[in-house]
Amino acid sequence: MAQYSHIEWTEATWNPVTGCSKVSAGCKFCYAERLAHRLQAMGNRRYRKGFQVTLHEDVLDLPKRWREPRPIFVNSMSDLFHERVPFDFIWKVFATMQDCPQHTFQILIKRS
């Protein structure tokens, strides 16, 4: 998880889920998949499974530790609403966002 981001329109990323599935031709050049494979090759434990959908329970509360308000890109490395992400896990992600009104959370939804 990146406390600071190089993405120009956000200041941090928070990835309680990583990985995704290709659902359209637009997924052919997915930046997240390329980065996930690079991180896997570097031995990053969050990407042991490459780009398979993986839940990271241990970072669910991460935004609560960031006191300074910031825009946060939620799940820059996956689709939070992927069919393999259980509803109760999505609920926990939203509960954390609700508990952190100091931040602005940004979620991009992947469409097939």
PDB file of N, CA and C in Angstrom:
ATOM      1  N   MET A   1       0.840  -1.163   0.000  1.00  0.00           N
ATOM      2  CA  MET A   1       0.000   0.000   0.000  1.00  0.00           C
ATOM      3  C   MET A   1       0.888   1.229   0.000  1.00  0.00           C
ATOM      4  N   ALA A   2       0.501   2.174  -0.753  1.00  0.00           N
ATOM      5  CA  ALA A   2       1.319   3.372  -0.889  1.00  0.00           C
ATOM      6  C   ALA A   2       0.726   4.525  -0.097  1.00  0.00           C
ATOM      7  N   GLN A   3       1.479   4.972   0.903  1.00  0.00           N
ATOM      8  CA  GLN A   3       1.020   6.121   1.661  1.00  0.00           C
ATOM      9  C   GLN A   3       1.047   7.360   0.774  1.00  0.00           C
ATOM     10  N   TYR A   4       1.964   7.374  -0.183  1.00  0.00           N
ATOM     11  CA  TYR A   4       2.036   8.469  -1.144  1.00  0.00           C
ATOM     12  C   TYR A   4       2.023   7.865  -2.542  1.00  0.00           C
ATOM     13  N   SER A   5       1.427   8.563  -3.479  1.00  0.00           N
ATOM     14  CA  SER A   5       1.270   8.028  -4.823  1.00  0.00           C
ATOM     15  C   SER A   5       1.874   8.965  -5.864  1.00  0.00           C
ATOM     16  N   HIS A   6       2.327   8.390  -6.975  1.00  0.00           N
ATOM     17  CA  HIS A   6       2.812   9.177  -8.109  1.00  0.00           C
ATOM     18  C   HIS A   6       1.690   9.435  -9.111  1.00  0.00           C
ATOM     19  N   ILE A   7       0.493   8.926  -8.834  1.00  0.00           N
ATOM     20  CA  ILE A   7      -0.657   9.182  -9.695  1.00  0.00           C
ATOM     21  C   ILE A   7      -1.064  10.637  -9.478  1.00  0.00           C
ATOM     22  N   GLU A   8      -1.154  11.396 -10.539  1.00  0.00           N
ATOM     23  CA  GLU A   8      -1.314  12.854 -10.416  1.00  0.00           C
ATOM     24  C   GLU A   8      -2.599  13.303  -9.736  1.00  0.00           C
ATOM     25  N   TRP A   9      -3.667  12.507  -9.798  1.00  0.00           N
ATOM     26  CA  TRP A   9      -4.944  12.966  -9.249  1.00  0.00           C
ATOM     27  C   TRP A   9      -5.254  12.400  -7.863  1.00  0.00           C
ATOM     28  N   THR A  10      -4.283  11.730  -7.248  1.00  0.00           N
ATOM     29  CA  THR A  10      -4.488  11.222  -5.893  1.00  0.00           C
ATOM     30  C   THR A  10      -3.196  11.358  -5.094  1.00  0.00           C
ATOM     31  N   GLU A  11      -3.295  11.191  -3.793  1.00  0.00           N
ATOM     32  CA  GLU A  11      -2.104  11.277  -2.943  1.00  0.00           C
ATOM     33  C   GLU A  11      -1.688   9.941  -2.366  1.00  0.00           C
ATOM     34  N   ALA A  12      -2.619   8.961  -2.349  1.00  0.00           N
ATOM     35  CA  ALA A  12      -2.304   7.655  -1.782  1.00  0.00           C
ATOM     36  C   ALA A  12      -3.148   6.589  -2.464  1.00  0.00           C
ATOM     37  N   THR A  13      -2.668   5.354  -2.385  1.00  0.00           N
ATOM     38  CA  THR A  13      -3.455   4.222  -2.861  1.00  0.00           C
ATOM     39  C   THR A  13      -3.670   3.262  -1.704  1.00  0.00           C
ATOM     40  N   TRP A  14      -4.789   2.567  -1.741  1.00  0.00           N
ATOM     41  CA  TRP A  14      -5.142   1.592  -0.694  1.00  0.00           C
ATOM     42  C   TRP A  14      -5.727   0.390  -1.409  1.00  0.00           C
ATOM     43  N   ASN A  15      -5.071  -0.755  -1.272  1.00  0.00           N
ATOM     44  CA  ASN A  15      -5.468  -1.950  -2.002  1.00  0.00           C
ATOM     45  C   ASN A  15      -5.797  -3.105  -1.063  1.00  0.00           C
ATOM     46  N   PRO A  16      -6.998  -3.100  -0.471  1.00  0.00           N
ATOM     47  CA  PRO A  16      -7.387  -4.240   0.344  1.00  0.00           C
ATOM     48  C   PRO A  16      -7.636  -5.493  -0.508  1.00  0.00           C
ATOM     49  N   VAL A  17      -7.755  -5.306  -1.826  1.00  0.00           N
ATOM     50  CA  VAL A  17      -7.875  -6.409  -2.774  1.00  0.00           C
ATOM     51  C   VAL A  17      -6.869  -6.160  -3.883  1.00  0.00           C
ATOM     52  N   THR A  18      -6.222  -7.226  -4.340  1.00  0.00           N
ATOM     53  CA  THR A  18      -5.380  -7.136  -5.527  1.00  0.00           C
ATOM     54  C   THR A  18      -5.817  -8.216  -6.502  1.00  0.00           C
ATOM     55  N   GLY A  19      -5.564  -7.984  -7.782  1.00  0.00           N
ATOM     56  CA  GLY A  19      -5.884  -8.964  -8.813  1.00  0.00           C
ATOM     57  C   GLY A  19      -7.231  -8.719  -9.462  1.00  0.00           C
ATOM     58  N   CYS A  20      -7.403  -9.321 -10.619  1.00  0.00           N
ATOM     59  CA  CYS A  20      -8.615  -9.102 -11.401  1.00  0.00           C
ATOM     60  C   CYS A  20      -8.695 -10.152 -12.499  1.00  0.00           C
ATOM     61  N   SER A  21      -9.721 -10.048 -13.327  1.00  0.00           N
ATOM     62  CA  SER A  21      -9.908 -10.920 -14.484  1.00  0.00           C
ATOM     63  C   SER A  21     -10.091 -10.055 -15.720  1.00  0.00           C
ATOM     64  N   LYS A  22      -9.615 -10.558 -16.841  1.00  0.00           N
ATOM     65  CA  LYS A  22      -9.820  -9.841 -18.097  1.00  0.00           C
ATOM     66  C   LYS A  22     -11.271 -10.047 -18.529  1.00  0.00           C
ATOM     67  N   VAL A  23     -11.983  -8.943 -18.725  1.00  0.00           N
ATOM     68  CA  VAL A  23     -13.403  -9.043 -19.084  1.00  0.00           C
ATOM     69  C   VAL A  23     -13.714  -8.423 -20.442  1.00  0.00           C
ATOM     70  N   SER A  24     -12.740  -7.707 -21.018  1.00  0.00           N
ATOM     71  CA  SER A  24     -12.990  -7.068 -22.307  1.00  0.00           C
ATOM     72  C   SER A  24     -11.661  -6.802 -23.009  1.00  0.00           C
ATOM     73  N   ALA A  25     -11.749  -6.362 -24.247  1.00  0.00           N
ATOM     74  CA  ALA A  25     -10.540  -6.030 -25.003  1.00  0.00           C
ATOM     75  C   ALA A  25      -9.759  -4.898 -24.334  1.00  0.00           C
ATOM     76  N   GLY A  26     -10.444  -4.059 -23.594  1.00  0.00           N
ATOM     77  CA  GLY A  26      -9.785  -2.966 -22.881  1.00  0.00           C
ATOM     78  C   GLY A  26      -8.828  -3.442 -21.804  1.00  0.00           C
ATOM     79  N   CYS A  27      -8.935  -4.689 -21.414  1.00  0.00           N
ATOM     80  CA  CYS A  27      -8.067  -5.248 -20.383  1.00  0.00           C
ATOM     81  C   CYS A  27      -6.734  -5.755 -20.938  1.00  0.00           C
ATOM     82  N   LYS A  28      -6.605  -5.761 -22.258  1.00  0.00           N
ATOM     83  CA  LYS A  28      -5.420  -6.343 -22.890  1.00  0.00           C
ATOM     84  C   LYS A  28      -4.119  -5.716 -22.394  1.00  0.00           C
ATOM     85  N   PHE A  29      -4.112  -4.428 -22.182  1.00  0.00           N
ATOM     86  CA  PHE A  29      -2.891  -3.736 -21.768  1.00  0.00           C
ATOM     87  C   PHE A  29      -3.009  -3.203 -20.335  1.00  0.00           C
ATOM     88  N   CYS A  30      -3.575  -3.982 -19.453  1.00  0.00           N
ATOM     89  CA  CYS A  30      -3.834  -3.568 -18.072  1.00  0.00           C
ATOM     90  C   CYS A  30      -2.532  -3.231 -17.336  1.00  0.00           C
ATOM     91  N   TYR A  31      -2.440  -1.968 -16.865  1.00  0.00           N
ATOM     92  CA  TYR A  31      -1.244  -1.546 -16.127  1.00  0.00           C
ATOM     93  C   TYR A  31      -1.118  -2.321 -14.815  1.00  0.00           C
ATOM     94  N   ALA A  32      -2.246  -2.603 -14.170  1.00  0.00           N
ATOM     95  CA  ALA A  32      -2.205  -3.265 -12.867  1.00  0.00           C
ATOM     96  C   ALA A  32      -1.675  -4.693 -12.998  1.00  0.00           C
ATOM     97  N   GLU A  33      -2.074  -5.381 -14.037  1.00  0.00           N
ATOM     98  CA  GLU A  33      -1.590  -6.746 -14.241  1.00  0.00           C
ATOM     99  C   GLU A  33      -0.077  -6.742 -14.490  1.00  0.00           C
ATOM    100  N   ARG A  34       0.391  -5.828 -15.337  1.00  0.00           N
ATOM    101  CA  ARG A  34       1.837  -5.749 -15.603  1.00  0.00           C
ATOM    102  C   ARG A  34       2.605  -5.449 -14.322  1.00  0.00           C
ATOM    103  N   LEU A  35       2.101  -4.487 -13.542  1.00  0.00           N
ATOM    104  CA  LEU A  35       2.776  -4.129 -12.298  1.00  0.00           C
ATOM    105  C   LEU A  35       2.733  -5.288 -11.300  1.00  0.00           C
ATOM    106  N   ALA A  36       1.615  -5.988 -11.227  1.00  0.00           N
ATOM    107  CA  ALA A  36       1.495  -7.130 -10.303  1.00  0.00           C
ATOM    108  C   ALA A  36       2.529  -8.204 -10.626  1.00  0.00           C
ATOM    109  N   HIS A  37       2.728  -8.506 -11.896  1.00  0.00           N
ATOM    110  CA  HIS A  37       3.717  -9.514 -12.275  1.00  0.00           C
ATOM    111  C   HIS A  37       5.138  -9.035 -11.965  1.00  0.00           C
ATOM    112  N   ARG A  38       5.378  -7.754 -12.140  1.00  0.00           N
ATOM    113  CA  ARG A  38       6.691  -7.190 -11.790  1.00  0.00           C
ATOM    114  C   ARG A  38       6.916  -7.292 -10.279  1.00  0.00           C
ATOM    115  N   LEU A  39       5.899  -6.946  -9.496  1.00  0.00           N
ATOM    116  CA  LEU A  39       6.019  -7.020  -8.036  1.00  0.00           C
ATOM    117  C   LEU A  39       6.166  -8.465  -7.565  1.00  0.00           C
ATOM    118  N   GLN A  40       5.487  -9.383  -8.240  1.00  0.00           N
ATOM    119  CA  GLN A  40       5.637 -10.802  -7.919  1.00  0.00           C
ATOM    120  C   GLN A  40       7.081 -11.245  -8.154  1.00  0.00           C
ATOM    121  N   ALA A  41       7.663 -10.857  -9.289  1.00  0.00           N
ATOM    122  CA  ALA A  41       9.047 -11.223  -9.603  1.00  0.00           C
ATOM    123  C   ALA A  41      10.034 -10.634  -8.602  1.00  0.00           C
ATOM    124  N   MET A  42       9.666  -9.503  -8.006  1.00  0.00           N
ATOM    125  CA  MET A  42      10.521  -8.853  -7.015  1.00  0.00           C
ATOM    126  C   MET A  42      10.338  -9.455  -5.619  1.00  0.00           C
ATOM    127  N   GLY A  43       9.403 -10.400  -5.481  1.00  0.00           N
ATOM    128  CA  GLY A  43       9.201 -11.057  -4.200  1.00  0.00           C
ATOM    129  C   GLY A  43       8.230 -10.351  -3.263  1.00  0.00           C
ATOM    130  N   ASN A  44       7.448  -9.398  -3.781  1.00  0.00           N
ATOM    131  CA  ASN A  44       6.472  -8.702  -2.945  1.00  0.00           C
ATOM    132  C   ASN A  44       5.406  -9.694  -2.486  1.00  0.00           C
ATOM    133  N   ARG A  45       5.250  -9.850  -1.183  1.00  0.00           N
ATOM    134  CA  ARG A  45       4.350 -10.872  -0.634  1.00  0.00           C
ATOM    135  C   ARG A  45       2.896 -10.668  -1.028  1.00  0.00           C
ATOM    136  N   ARG A  46       2.486  -9.450  -1.321  1.00  0.00           N
ATOM    137  CA  ARG A  46       1.100  -9.197  -1.713  1.00  0.00           C
ATOM    138  C   ARG A  46       0.775  -9.766  -3.090  1.00  0.00           C
ATOM    139  N   TYR A  47       1.801 -10.092  -3.851  1.00  0.00           N
ATOM    140  CA  TYR A  47       1.590 -10.578  -5.223  1.00  0.00           C
ATOM    141  C   TYR A  47       2.160 -11.977  -5.428  1.00  0.00           C
ATOM    142  N   ARG A  48       2.178 -12.775  -4.359  1.00  0.00           N
ATOM    143  CA  ARG A  48       2.627 -14.170  -4.478  1.00  0.00           C
ATOM    144  C   ARG A  48       1.812 -14.918  -5.517  1.00  0.00           C
ATOM    145  N   LYS A  49       0.524 -14.580  -5.625  1.00  0.00           N
ATOM    146  CA  LYS A  49      -0.372 -15.243  -6.577  1.00  0.00           C
ATOM    147  C   LYS A  49      -0.456 -14.473  -7.900  1.00  0.00           C
ATOM    148  N   GLY A  50       0.474 -13.575  -8.134  1.00  0.00           N
ATOM    149  CA  GLY A  50       0.454 -12.791  -9.363  1.00  0.00           C
ATOM    150  C   GLY A  50      -0.757 -11.875  -9.389  1.00  0.00           C
ATOM    151  N   PHE A  51      -1.577 -12.010 -10.424  1.00  0.00           N
ATOM    152  CA  PHE A  51      -2.740 -11.134 -10.579  1.00  0.00           C
ATOM    153  C   PHE A  51      -4.049 -11.845 -10.251  1.00  0.00           C
ATOM    154  N   GLN A  52      -3.975 -12.966  -9.514  1.00  0.00           N
ATOM    155  CA  GLN A  52      -5.199 -13.620  -9.042  1.00  0.00           C
ATOM    156  C   GLN A  52      -5.833 -12.750  -7.964  1.00  0.00           C
ATOM    157  N   VAL A  53      -7.150 -12.736  -7.918  1.00  0.00           N
ATOM    158  CA  VAL A  53      -7.852 -11.936  -6.911  1.00  0.00           C
ATOM    159  C   VAL A  53      -7.454 -12.424  -5.514  1.00  0.00           C
ATOM    160  N   THR A  54      -6.950 -11.496  -4.704  1.00  0.00           N
ATOM    161  CA  THR A  54      -6.463 -11.815  -3.366  1.00  0.00           C
ATOM    162  C   THR A  54      -6.966 -10.757  -2.388  1.00  0.00           C
ATOM    163  N   LEU A  55      -7.527 -11.198  -1.272  1.00  0.00           N
ATOM    164  CA  LEU A  55      -8.004 -10.294  -0.226  1.00  0.00           C
ATOM    165  C   LEU A  55      -6.880 -10.056   0.783  1.00  0.00           C
ATOM    166  N   HIS A  56      -6.736  -8.815   1.238  1.00  0.00           N
ATOM    167  CA  HIS A  56      -5.685  -8.451   2.197  1.00  0.00           C
ATOM    168  C   HIS A  56      -6.347  -7.882   3.451  1.00  0.00           C
ATOM    169  N   GLU A  57      -6.818  -8.770   4.300  1.00  0.00           N
ATOM    170  CA  GLU A  57      -7.503  -8.373   5.548  1.00  0.00           C
ATOM    171  C   GLU A  57      -6.625  -7.470   6.417  1.00  0.00           C
ATOM    172  N   ASP A  58      -5.309  -7.688   6.363  1.00  0.00           N
ATOM    173  CA  ASP A  58      -4.409  -6.948   7.247  1.00  0.00           C
ATOM    174  C   ASP A  58      -4.295  -5.466   6.924  1.00  0.00           C
ATOM    175  N   VAL A  59      -4.803  -5.024   5.787  1.00  0.00           N
ATOM    176  CA  VAL A  59      -4.731  -3.585   5.464  1.00  0.00           C
ATOM    177  C   VAL A  59      -6.102  -2.910   5.466  1.00  0.00           C
ATOM    178  N   LEU A  60      -7.119  -3.612   5.939  1.00  0.00           N
ATOM    179  CA  LEU A  60      -8.455  -3.021   5.963  1.00  0.00           C
ATOM    180  C   LEU A  60      -8.508  -1.719   6.760  1.00  0.00           C
ATOM    181  N   ASP A  61      -7.735  -1.612   7.825  1.00  0.00           N
ATOM    182  CA  ASP A  61      -7.770  -0.421   8.680  1.00  0.00           C
ATOM    183  C   ASP A  61      -6.674   0.596   8.358  1.00  0.00           C
ATOM    184  N   LEU A  62      -5.912   0.384   7.311  1.00  0.00           N
ATOM    185  CA  LEU A  62      -4.789   1.262   7.000  1.00  0.00           C
ATOM    186  C   LEU A  62      -5.154   2.744   6.936  1.00  0.00           C
ATOM    187  N   PRO A  63      -6.234   3.155   6.268  1.00  0.00           N
ATOM    188  CA  PRO A  63      -6.552   4.592   6.211  1.00  0.00           C
ATOM    189  C   PRO A  63      -6.810   5.216   7.583  1.00  0.00           C
ATOM    190  N   LYS A  64      -7.160   4.407   8.563  1.00  0.00           N
ATOM    191  CA  LYS A  64      -7.386   4.930   9.913  1.00  0.00           C
ATOM    192  C   LYS A  64      -6.090   5.425  10.539  1.00  0.00           C
ATOM    193  N   ARG A  65      -4.957   4.932  10.057  1.00  0.00           N
ATOM    194  CA  ARG A  65      -3.651   5.342  10.584  1.00  0.00           C
ATOM    195  C   ARG A  65      -3.138   6.614   9.918  1.00  0.00           C
ATOM    196  N   TRP A  66      -3.759   7.005   8.826  1.00  0.00           N
ATOM    197  CA  TRP A  66      -3.352   8.214   8.113  1.00  0.00           C
ATOM    198  C   TRP A  66      -4.178   9.379   8.648  1.00  0.00           C
ATOM    199  N   ARG A  67      -3.603  10.174   9.501  1.00  0.00           N
ATOM    200  CA  ARG A  67      -4.331  11.268  10.150  1.00  0.00           C
ATOM    201  C   ARG A  67      -4.530  12.467   9.228  1.00  0.00           C
ATOM    202  N   GLU A  68      -3.520  12.765   8.410  1.00  0.00           N
ATOM    203  CA  GLU A  68      -3.616  13.921   7.522  1.00  0.00           C
ATOM    204  C   GLU A  68      -4.594  13.628   6.386  1.00  0.00           C
ATOM    205  N   PRO A  69      -5.582  14.481   6.173  1.00  0.00           N
ATOM    206  CA  PRO A  69      -6.557  14.252   5.109  1.00  0.00           C
ATOM    207  C   PRO A  69      -5.891  14.149   3.738  1.00  0.00           C
ATOM    208  N   ARG A  70      -6.382  13.225   2.935  1.00  0.00           N
ATOM    209  CA  ARG A  70      -5.828  13.050   1.594  1.00  0.00           C
ATOM    210  C   ARG A  70      -6.821  12.323   0.702  1.00  0.00           C
ATOM    211  N   PRO A  71      -6.744  12.535  -0.598  1.00  0.00           N
ATOM    212  CA  PRO A  71      -7.526  11.713  -1.519  1.00  0.00           C
ATOM    213  C   PRO A  71      -6.848  10.342  -1.628  1.00  0.00           C
ATOM    214  N   ILE A  72      -7.647   9.291  -1.575  1.00  0.00           N
ATOM    215  CA  ILE A  72      -7.126   7.930  -1.602  1.00  0.00           C
ATOM    216  C   ILE A  72      -7.790   7.164  -2.750  1.00  0.00           C
ATOM    217  N   PHE A  73      -6.975   6.605  -3.630  1.00  0.00           N
ATOM    218  CA  PHE A  73      -7.443   5.753  -4.715  1.00  0.00           C
ATOM    219  C   PHE A  73      -7.630   4.360  -4.133  1.00  0.00           C
ATOM    220  N   VAL A  74      -8.882   3.903  -4.065  1.00  0.00           N
ATOM    221  CA  VAL A  74      -9.208   2.593  -3.496  1.00  0.00           C
ATOM    222  C   VAL A  74      -9.087   1.534  -4.587  1.00  0.00           C
ATOM    223  N   ASN A  75      -8.278   0.528  -4.318  1.00  0.00           N
ATOM    224  CA  ASN A  75      -8.082  -0.612  -5.213  1.00  0.00           C
ATOM    225  C   ASN A  75      -7.549  -0.212  -6.581  1.00  0.00           C
ATOM    226  N   SER A  76      -6.424   0.441  -6.581  1.00  0.00           N
ATOM    227  CA  SER A  76      -5.777   0.783  -7.852  1.00  0.00           C
ATOM    228  C   SER A  76      -5.263  -0.466  -8.561  1.00  0.00           C
ATOM    229  N   MET A  77      -5.168  -1.573  -7.822  1.00  0.00           N
ATOM    230  CA  MET A  77      -4.609  -2.808  -8.379  1.00  0.00           C
ATOM    231  C   MET A  77      -5.644  -3.921  -8.516  1.00  0.00           C
ATOM    232  N   SER A  78      -6.928  -3.567  -8.531  1.00  0.00           N
ATOM    233  CA  SER A  78      -7.957  -4.589  -8.714  1.00  0.00           C
ATOM    234  C   SER A  78      -9.322  -3.945  -8.883  1.00  0.00           C
ATOM    235  N   ASP A  79     -10.322  -4.812  -8.925  1.00  0.00           N
ATOM    236  CA  ASP A  79     -11.718  -4.384  -8.993  1.00  0.00           C
ATOM    237  C   ASP A  79     -12.368  -4.781  -7.674  1.00  0.00           C
ATOM    238  N   LEU A  80     -12.679  -3.800  -6.843  1.00  0.00           N
ATOM    239  CA  LEU A  80     -13.280  -4.079  -5.534  1.00  0.00           C
ATOM    240  C   LEU A  80     -14.564  -4.893  -5.666  1.00  0.00           C
ATOM    241  N   PHE A  81     -15.260  -4.724  -6.772  1.00  0.00           N
ATOM    242  CA  PHE A  81     -16.548  -5.396  -6.956  1.00  0.00           C
ATOM    243  C   PHE A  81     -16.436  -6.651  -7.818  1.00  0.00           C
ATOM    244  N   HIS A  82     -15.246  -7.217  -7.904  1.00  0.00           N
ATOM    245  CA  HIS A  82     -15.034  -8.458  -8.649  1.00  0.00           C
ATOM    246  C   HIS A  82     -15.917  -9.548  -8.052  1.00  0.00           C
ATOM    247  N   GLU A  83     -16.379 -10.454  -8.893  1.00  0.00           N
ATOM    248  CA  GLU A  83     -17.284 -11.517  -8.430  1.00  0.00           C
ATOM    249  C   GLU A  83     -16.659 -12.412  -7.361  1.00  0.00           C
ATOM    250  N   ARG A  84     -15.332 -12.449  -7.262  1.00  0.00           N
ATOM    251  CA  ARG A  84     -14.677 -13.286  -6.256  1.00  0.00           C
ATOM    252  C   ARG A  84     -14.414 -12.543  -4.942  1.00  0.00           C
ATOM    253  N   VAL A  85     -14.849 -11.301  -4.848  1.00  0.00           N
ATOM    254  CA  VAL A  85     -14.710 -10.541  -3.592  1.00  0.00           C
ATOM    255  C   VAL A  85     -16.036 -10.651  -2.846  1.00  0.00           C
ATOM    256  N   PRO A  86     -16.037 -11.316  -1.691  1.00  0.00           N
ATOM    257  CA  PRO A  86     -17.286 -11.494  -0.948  1.00  0.00           C
ATOM    258  C   PRO A  86     -17.903 -10.164  -0.511  1.00  0.00           C
ATOM    259  N   PHE A  87     -19.214 -10.135  -0.496  1.00  0.00           N
ATOM    260  CA  PHE A  87     -19.929  -8.920  -0.110  1.00  0.00           C
ATOM    261  C   PHE A  87     -19.515  -8.437   1.276  1.00  0.00           C
ATOM    262  N   ASP A  88     -19.306  -9.364   2.219  1.00  0.00           N
ATOM    263  CA  ASP A  88     -18.939  -8.935   3.576  1.00  0.00           C
ATOM    264  C   ASP A  88     -17.568  -8.250   3.597  1.00  0.00           C
ATOM    265  N   PHE A  89     -16.676  -8.633   2.694  1.00  0.00           N
ATOM    266  CA  PHE A  89     -15.374  -7.960   2.614  1.00  0.00           C
ATOM    267  C   PHE A  89     -15.546  -6.554   2.045  1.00  0.00           C
ATOM    268  N   ILE A  90     -16.366  -6.412   1.006  1.00  0.00           N
ATOM    269  CA  ILE A  90     -16.656  -5.093   0.441  1.00  0.00           C
ATOM    270  C   ILE A  90     -17.266  -4.213   1.525  1.00  0.00           C
ATOM    271  N   TRP A  91     -18.145  -4.783   2.314  1.00  0.00           N
ATOM    272  CA  TRP A  91     -18.778  -4.048   3.412  1.00  0.00           C
ATOM    273  C   TRP A  91     -17.725  -3.517   4.393  1.00  0.00           C
ATOM    274  N   LYS A  92     -16.704  -4.339   4.700  1.00  0.00           N
ATOM    275  CA  LYS A  92     -15.639  -3.902   5.609  1.00  0.00           C
ATOM    276  C   LYS A  92     -14.839  -2.739   5.013  1.00  0.00           C
ATOM    277  N   VAL A  93     -14.601  -2.779   3.703  1.00  0.00           N
ATOM    278  CA  VAL A  93     -13.893  -1.690   3.032  1.00  0.00           C
ATOM    279  C   VAL A  93     -14.695  -0.397   3.174  1.00  0.00           C
ATOM    280  N   PHE A  94     -15.999  -0.482   2.921  1.00  0.00           N
ATOM    281  CA  PHE A  94     -16.845   0.708   3.036  1.00  0.00           C
ATOM    282  C   PHE A  94     -16.970   1.176   4.486  1.00  0.00           C
ATOM    283  N   ALA A  95     -16.942   0.253   5.435  1.00  0.00           N
ATOM    284  CA  ALA A  95     -16.987   0.638   6.854  1.00  0.00           C
ATOM    285  C   ALA A  95     -15.743   1.446   7.224  1.00  0.00           C
ATOM    286  N   THR A  96     -14.590   1.034   6.719  1.00  0.00           N
ATOM    287  CA  THR A  96     -13.365   1.794   6.965  1.00  0.00           C
ATOM    288  C   THR A  96     -13.476   3.187   6.367  1.00  0.00           C
ATOM    289  N   MET A  97     -13.995   3.271   5.135  1.00  0.00           N
ATOM    290  CA  MET A  97     -14.150   4.587   4.508  1.00  0.00           C
ATOM    291  C   MET A  97     -15.084   5.472   5.332  1.00  0.00           C
ATOM    292  N   GLN A  98     -16.134   4.887   5.855  1.00  0.00           N
ATOM    293  CA  GLN A  98     -17.080   5.656   6.675  1.00  0.00           C
ATOM    294  C   GLN A  98     -16.421   6.127   7.966  1.00  0.00           C
ATOM    295  N   ASP A  99     -15.514   5.319   8.498  1.00  0.00           N
ATOM    296  CA  ASP A  99     -14.821   5.672   9.747  1.00  0.00           C
ATOM    297  C   ASP A  99     -13.710   6.710   9.541  1.00  0.00           C
ATOM    298  N   CYS A 100     -13.457   7.090   8.294  1.00  0.00           N
ATOM    299  CA  CYS A 100     -12.370   8.027   7.983  1.00  0.00           C
ATOM    300  C   CYS A 100     -12.882   9.228   7.192  1.00  0.00           C
ATOM    301  N   PRO A 101     -13.722  10.048   7.790  1.00  0.00           N
ATOM    302  CA  PRO A 101     -14.283  11.182   7.049  1.00  0.00           C
ATOM    303  C   PRO A 101     -13.246  12.245   6.684  1.00  0.00           C
ATOM    304  N   GLN A 102     -12.053  12.168   7.246  1.00  0.00           N
ATOM    305  CA  GLN A 102     -11.007  13.126   6.915  1.00  0.00           C
ATOM    306  C   GLN A 102     -10.459  12.911   5.504  1.00  0.00           C
ATOM    307  N   HIS A 103     -10.682  11.728   4.939  1.00  0.00           N
ATOM    308  CA  HIS A 103     -10.154  11.398   3.614  1.00  0.00           C
ATOM    309  C   HIS A 103     -11.255  11.483   2.551  1.00  0.00           C
ATOM    310  N   THR A 104     -10.820  11.612   1.305  1.00  0.00           N
ATOM    311  CA  THR A 104     -11.717  11.518   0.152  1.00  0.00           C
ATOM    312  C   THR A 104     -11.340  10.238  -0.573  1.00  0.00           C
ATOM    313  N   PHE A 105     -12.264   9.302  -0.658  1.00  0.00           N
ATOM    314  CA  PHE A 105     -11.996   8.018  -1.280  1.00  0.00           C
ATOM    315  C   PHE A 105     -12.495   8.021  -2.714  1.00  0.00           C
ATOM    316  N   GLN A 106     -11.649   7.501  -3.610  1.00  0.00           N
ATOM    317  CA  GLN A 106     -11.969   7.434  -5.036  1.00  0.00           C
ATOM    318  C   GLN A 106     -11.955   5.983  -5.481  1.00  0.00           C
ATOM    319  N   ILE A 107     -13.069   5.525  -6.013  1.00  0.00           N
ATOM    320  CA  ILE A 107     -13.201   4.148  -6.475  1.00  0.00           C
ATOM    321  C   ILE A 107     -13.571   4.165  -7.949  1.00  0.00           C
ATOM    322  N   LEU A 108     -12.755   3.501  -8.755  1.00  0.00           N
ATOM    323  CA  LEU A 108     -13.077   3.343 -10.174  1.00  0.00           C
ATOM    324  C   LEU A 108     -13.717   1.978 -10.351  1.00  0.00           C
ATOM    325  N   ILE A 109     -14.799   1.934 -11.079  1.00  0.00           N
ATOM    326  CA  ILE A 109     -15.512   0.682 -11.283  1.00  0.00           C
ATOM    327  C   ILE A 109     -15.212   0.163 -12.677  1.00  0.00           C
ATOM    328  N   LYS A 110     -14.746  -1.075 -12.732  1.00  0.00           N
ATOM    329  CA  LYS A 110     -14.431  -1.719 -14.003  1.00  0.00           C
ATOM    330  C   LYS A 110     -15.714  -2.235 -14.611  1.00  0.00           C
ATOM    331  N   ARG A 111     -15.940  -1.929 -15.854  1.00  0.00           N
ATOM    332  CA  ARG A 111     -17.139  -2.374 -16.543  1.00  0.00           C
ATOM    333  C   ARG A 111     -16.780  -3.320 -17.668  1.00  0.00           C
ATOM    334  N   SER A 112     -17.579  -4.352 -17.812  1.00  0.00           N
ATOM    335  CA  SER A 112     -17.313  -5.309 -18.893  1.00  0.00           C
ATOM    336  C   SER A 112     -17.971  -4.869 -20.174  1.00  0.00           C
TER     337      SER A 112
END
